[in-house]
Amino acid sequence: MMRRTLMAMALCGAFHTATAAADETTAAVTGENIFLGRCGTCHELPDPDALTPMQWRAVLKKMQKRMKFLGVPPLSDEENEKVYDWLSK
């Protein structure tokens, strides 16, 4: 379990670094891109239609806490809103 957690932290951290560099050169990052890239790096992605907007809000809040707990940089407020907007469409 610890090995899996450490691997997830390393992968997510490496992706965050690459994403941050890409964000500096790409102004229009979409919620879908963030969802596929950041969220999909650490776990299998759920179907966006599986939950209601209110449920997605709760899931995103929970995932932010989980990322912080694991030492993975959480989504910025802007990224979080873009993902939420995309998921809730």
N, C-alpha and C. Protein backbone atom coordinates (compact mmCIF):
# COMPACT_ATOMS: atom_id res chain seq x y z
N MET A 1 0.83 -1.20 0.00
CA MET A 1 0.00 0.00 0.00
C MET A 1 0.87 1.25 0.00
N MET A 2 1.90 1.26 0.86
CA MET A 2 2.79 2.43 0.93
C MET A 2 3.51 2.64 -0.38
N ARG A 3 3.94 1.54 -1.00
CA ARG A 3 4.65 1.64 -2.28
C ARG A 3 3.74 2.25 -3.34
N ARG A 4 2.50 1.81 -3.36
CA ARG A 4 1.53 2.34 -4.33
C ARG A 4 1.30 3.83 -4.10
N THR A 5 1.18 4.22 -2.84
CA THR A 5 0.98 5.62 -2.51
C THR A 5 2.17 6.46 -2.94
N LEU A 6 3.37 5.97 -2.66
CA LEU A 6 4.57 6.71 -3.06
C LEU A 6 4.68 6.83 -4.57
N MET A 7 4.32 5.77 -5.28
CA MET A 7 4.36 5.81 -6.74
C MET A 7 3.36 6.83 -7.26
N ALA A 8 2.16 6.83 -6.70
CA ALA A 8 1.14 7.80 -7.12
C ALA A 8 1.61 9.22 -6.86
N MET A 9 2.25 9.44 -5.71
CA MET A 9 2.75 10.77 -5.39
C MET A 9 3.80 11.21 -6.40
N ALA A 10 4.70 10.30 -6.74
CA ALA A 10 5.77 10.64 -7.69
C ALA A 10 5.19 10.95 -9.06
N LEU A 11 4.26 10.12 -9.51
CA LEU A 11 3.65 10.34 -10.82
C LEU A 11 2.87 11.64 -10.87
N CYS A 12 2.09 11.89 -9.83
CA CYS A 12 1.28 13.11 -9.81
C CYS A 12 2.17 14.35 -9.70
N GLY A 13 3.22 14.26 -8.91
CA GLY A 13 4.14 15.39 -8.78
C GLY A 13 4.85 15.68 -10.10
N ALA A 14 5.27 14.64 -10.79
CA ALA A 14 5.94 14.82 -12.08
C ALA A 14 4.98 15.41 -13.09
N PHE A 15 3.74 14.93 -13.07
CA PHE A 15 2.77 15.47 -14.00
C PHE A 15 2.46 16.92 -13.70
N HIS A 16 2.36 17.25 -12.41
CA HIS A 16 2.07 18.63 -12.03
C HIS A 16 3.17 19.57 -12.54
N THR A 17 4.42 19.15 -12.43
CA THR A 17 5.53 19.97 -12.91
C THR A 17 5.41 20.20 -14.41
N ALA A 18 5.12 19.13 -15.14
CA ALA A 18 4.97 19.25 -16.60
C ALA A 18 3.76 20.10 -16.94
N THR A 19 2.68 19.94 -16.20
CA THR A 19 1.48 20.72 -16.46
C THR A 19 1.70 22.19 -16.18
N ALA A 20 2.41 22.49 -15.11
CA ALA A 20 2.68 23.89 -14.77
C ALA A 20 3.47 24.55 -15.89
N ALA A 21 4.46 23.84 -16.44
CA ALA A 21 5.25 24.40 -17.54
C ALA A 21 4.37 24.60 -18.77
N ALA A 22 3.49 23.63 -19.04
CA ALA A 22 2.60 23.75 -20.19
C ALA A 22 1.60 24.89 -19.98
N ASP A 23 1.15 25.08 -18.74
CA ASP A 23 0.18 26.14 -18.46
C ASP A 23 0.76 27.51 -18.74
N GLU A 24 2.06 27.67 -18.55
CA GLU A 24 2.69 28.96 -18.81
C GLU A 24 2.67 29.29 -20.29
N THR A 25 2.68 28.27 -21.15
CA THR A 25 2.70 28.50 -22.58
C THR A 25 1.32 28.36 -23.22
N THR A 26 0.38 27.73 -22.52
CA THR A 26 -0.96 27.52 -23.05
C THR A 26 -1.97 28.19 -22.12
N ALA A 27 -2.53 29.27 -22.58
CA ALA A 27 -3.45 30.03 -21.74
C ALA A 27 -4.81 29.34 -21.60
N ALA A 28 -5.24 28.60 -22.61
CA ALA A 28 -6.58 28.02 -22.60
C ALA A 28 -6.54 26.53 -22.27
N VAL A 29 -6.34 26.19 -21.02
CA VAL A 29 -6.41 24.80 -20.59
C VAL A 29 -7.85 24.53 -20.19
N THR A 30 -8.42 23.46 -20.72
CA THR A 30 -9.82 23.17 -20.46
C THR A 30 -10.00 22.28 -19.25
N GLY A 31 -11.21 22.26 -18.71
CA GLY A 31 -11.54 21.38 -17.60
C GLY A 31 -11.36 19.92 -17.99
N GLU A 32 -11.70 19.60 -19.23
CA GLU A 32 -11.52 18.22 -19.70
C GLU A 32 -10.05 17.84 -19.72
N ASN A 33 -9.18 18.74 -20.20
CA ASN A 33 -7.75 18.46 -20.22
C ASN A 33 -7.20 18.24 -18.82
N ILE A 34 -7.63 19.07 -17.89
CA ILE A 34 -7.18 18.94 -16.50
C ILE A 34 -7.66 17.62 -15.93
N PHE A 35 -8.94 17.30 -16.15
CA PHE A 35 -9.52 16.05 -15.66
C PHE A 35 -8.76 14.85 -16.20
N LEU A 36 -8.53 14.82 -17.50
CA LEU A 36 -7.82 13.70 -18.12
C LEU A 36 -6.37 13.61 -17.66
N GLY A 37 -5.73 14.76 -17.56
CA GLY A 37 -4.31 14.77 -17.22
C GLY A 37 -4.02 14.62 -15.75
N ARG A 38 -4.55 15.51 -14.95
CA ARG A 38 -4.25 15.48 -13.51
C ARG A 38 -4.94 14.32 -12.81
N CYS A 39 -6.23 14.17 -13.02
CA CYS A 39 -6.98 13.14 -12.32
C CYS A 39 -6.64 11.75 -12.85
N GLY A 40 -6.51 11.65 -14.17
CA GLY A 40 -6.23 10.36 -14.79
C GLY A 40 -4.83 9.84 -14.57
N THR A 41 -3.95 10.68 -14.07
CA THR A 41 -2.59 10.24 -13.78
C THR A 41 -2.55 9.32 -12.57
N CYS A 42 -3.45 9.54 -11.62
CA CYS A 42 -3.39 8.81 -10.35
C CYS A 42 -4.41 7.68 -10.23
N HIS A 43 -5.50 7.73 -10.98
CA HIS A 43 -6.52 6.69 -10.85
C HIS A 43 -7.38 6.64 -12.11
N GLU A 44 -8.15 5.55 -12.20
CA GLU A 44 -9.08 5.39 -13.32
C GLU A 44 -10.14 6.49 -13.23
N LEU A 45 -10.47 7.04 -14.36
CA LEU A 45 -11.43 8.14 -14.38
C LEU A 45 -12.87 7.66 -14.40
N PRO A 46 -13.71 8.28 -13.57
CA PRO A 46 -15.14 7.94 -13.61
C PRO A 46 -15.82 8.60 -14.80
N ASP A 47 -16.97 8.10 -15.15
CA ASP A 47 -17.77 8.68 -16.22
C ASP A 47 -18.32 10.03 -15.73
N PRO A 48 -18.07 11.10 -16.45
CA PRO A 48 -18.57 12.42 -16.03
C PRO A 48 -20.09 12.46 -15.83
N ASP A 49 -20.83 11.62 -16.54
CA ASP A 49 -22.29 11.60 -16.41
C ASP A 49 -22.77 10.78 -15.21
N ALA A 50 -21.84 10.17 -14.48
CA ALA A 50 -22.22 9.27 -13.38
C ALA A 50 -22.76 10.01 -12.16
N LEU A 51 -22.42 11.29 -12.01
CA LEU A 51 -22.81 12.04 -10.82
C LEU A 51 -23.50 13.34 -11.18
N THR A 52 -24.24 13.86 -10.25
CA THR A 52 -24.89 15.17 -10.41
C THR A 52 -23.86 16.26 -10.14
N PRO A 53 -24.15 17.50 -10.56
CA PRO A 53 -23.23 18.60 -10.24
C PRO A 53 -22.94 18.72 -8.74
N MET A 54 -23.94 18.54 -7.91
CA MET A 54 -23.73 18.64 -6.47
C MET A 54 -22.80 17.51 -5.97
N GLN A 55 -22.95 16.33 -6.53
CA GLN A 55 -22.08 15.21 -6.15
C GLN A 55 -20.64 15.46 -6.63
N TRP A 56 -20.49 16.01 -7.85
CA TRP A 56 -19.16 16.31 -8.35
C TRP A 56 -18.46 17.34 -7.46
N ARG A 57 -19.21 18.33 -6.97
CA ARG A 57 -18.63 19.35 -6.09
C ARG A 57 -18.04 18.66 -4.85
N ALA A 58 -18.79 17.71 -4.27
CA ALA A 58 -18.32 16.99 -3.09
C ALA A 58 -17.10 16.12 -3.41
N VAL A 59 -17.12 15.45 -4.56
CA VAL A 59 -15.99 14.60 -4.96
C VAL A 59 -14.73 15.44 -5.15
N LEU A 60 -14.86 16.57 -5.83
CA LEU A 60 -13.69 17.42 -6.06
C LEU A 60 -13.12 17.94 -4.74
N LYS A 61 -13.99 18.28 -3.81
CA LYS A 61 -13.53 18.74 -2.50
C LYS A 61 -12.77 17.63 -1.78
N LYS A 62 -13.33 16.42 -1.84
CA LYS A 62 -12.69 15.26 -1.20
C LYS A 62 -11.32 14.97 -1.85
N MET A 63 -11.26 15.05 -3.17
CA MET A 63 -10.00 14.77 -3.87
C MET A 63 -8.94 15.82 -3.57
N GLN A 64 -9.34 17.07 -3.41
CA GLN A 64 -8.39 18.12 -3.03
C GLN A 64 -7.75 17.76 -1.68
N LYS A 65 -8.57 17.35 -0.73
CA LYS A 65 -8.06 16.96 0.59
C LYS A 65 -7.14 15.75 0.48
N ARG A 66 -7.54 14.77 -0.33
CA ARG A 66 -6.73 13.56 -0.50
C ARG A 66 -5.38 13.90 -1.13
N MET A 67 -5.38 14.78 -2.11
CA MET A 67 -4.13 15.17 -2.77
C MET A 67 -3.20 15.85 -1.76
N LYS A 68 -3.74 16.76 -0.96
CA LYS A 68 -2.93 17.43 0.05
C LYS A 68 -2.36 16.42 1.03
N PHE A 69 -3.19 15.47 1.47
CA PHE A 69 -2.76 14.44 2.42
C PHE A 69 -1.61 13.61 1.84
N LEU A 70 -1.67 13.31 0.56
CA LEU A 70 -0.63 12.51 -0.10
C LEU A 70 0.59 13.32 -0.51
N GLY A 71 0.52 14.63 -0.32
CA GLY A 71 1.64 15.48 -0.70
C GLY A 71 1.68 15.81 -2.18
N VAL A 72 0.55 15.60 -2.85
CA VAL A 72 0.43 15.92 -4.27
C VAL A 72 -0.14 17.33 -4.38
N PRO A 73 0.46 18.18 -5.18
CA PRO A 73 -0.09 19.53 -5.32
C PRO A 73 -1.54 19.48 -5.78
N PRO A 74 -2.45 20.06 -5.01
CA PRO A 74 -3.86 20.05 -5.41
C PRO A 74 -4.11 20.98 -6.58
N LEU A 75 -5.28 20.87 -7.15
CA LEU A 75 -5.67 21.77 -8.23
C LEU A 75 -5.78 23.18 -7.69
N SER A 76 -5.43 24.14 -8.51
CA SER A 76 -5.65 25.53 -8.14
C SER A 76 -7.15 25.79 -8.13
N ASP A 77 -7.58 26.89 -7.54
CA ASP A 77 -9.01 27.22 -7.54
C ASP A 77 -9.54 27.32 -8.97
N GLU A 78 -8.74 27.91 -9.85
CA GLU A 78 -9.16 28.05 -11.25
C GLU A 78 -9.27 26.68 -11.93
N GLU A 79 -8.29 25.81 -11.72
CA GLU A 79 -8.34 24.47 -12.29
C GLU A 79 -9.55 23.71 -11.75
N ASN A 80 -9.76 23.81 -10.46
CA ASN A 80 -10.88 23.12 -9.82
C ASN A 80 -12.21 23.57 -10.43
N GLU A 81 -12.37 24.85 -10.65
CA GLU A 81 -13.61 25.36 -11.24
C GLU A 81 -13.77 24.92 -12.69
N LYS A 82 -12.68 24.89 -13.44
CA LYS A 82 -12.75 24.43 -14.82
C LYS A 82 -13.18 22.97 -14.88
N VAL A 83 -12.60 22.14 -14.01
CA VAL A 83 -12.97 20.73 -13.98
C VAL A 83 -14.44 20.59 -13.57
N TYR A 84 -14.83 21.30 -12.53
CA TYR A 84 -16.22 21.24 -12.09
C TYR A 84 -17.18 21.67 -13.20
N ASP A 85 -16.87 22.78 -13.85
CA ASP A 85 -17.73 23.24 -14.94
C ASP A 85 -17.87 22.21 -16.04
N TRP A 86 -16.75 21.55 -16.38
CA TRP A 86 -16.78 20.56 -17.42
C TRP A 86 -17.56 19.33 -16.98
N LEU A 87 -17.34 18.87 -15.76
CA LEU A 87 -18.03 17.68 -15.26
C LEU A 87 -19.53 17.91 -15.11
N SER A 88 -19.92 19.12 -14.79
CA SER A 88 -21.33 19.36 -14.49
C SER A 88 -22.15 19.74 -15.73
N LYS A 89 -21.53 19.73 -16.90
CA LYS A 89 -22.28 20.03 -18.14
C LYS A 89 -23.08 18.83 -18.58
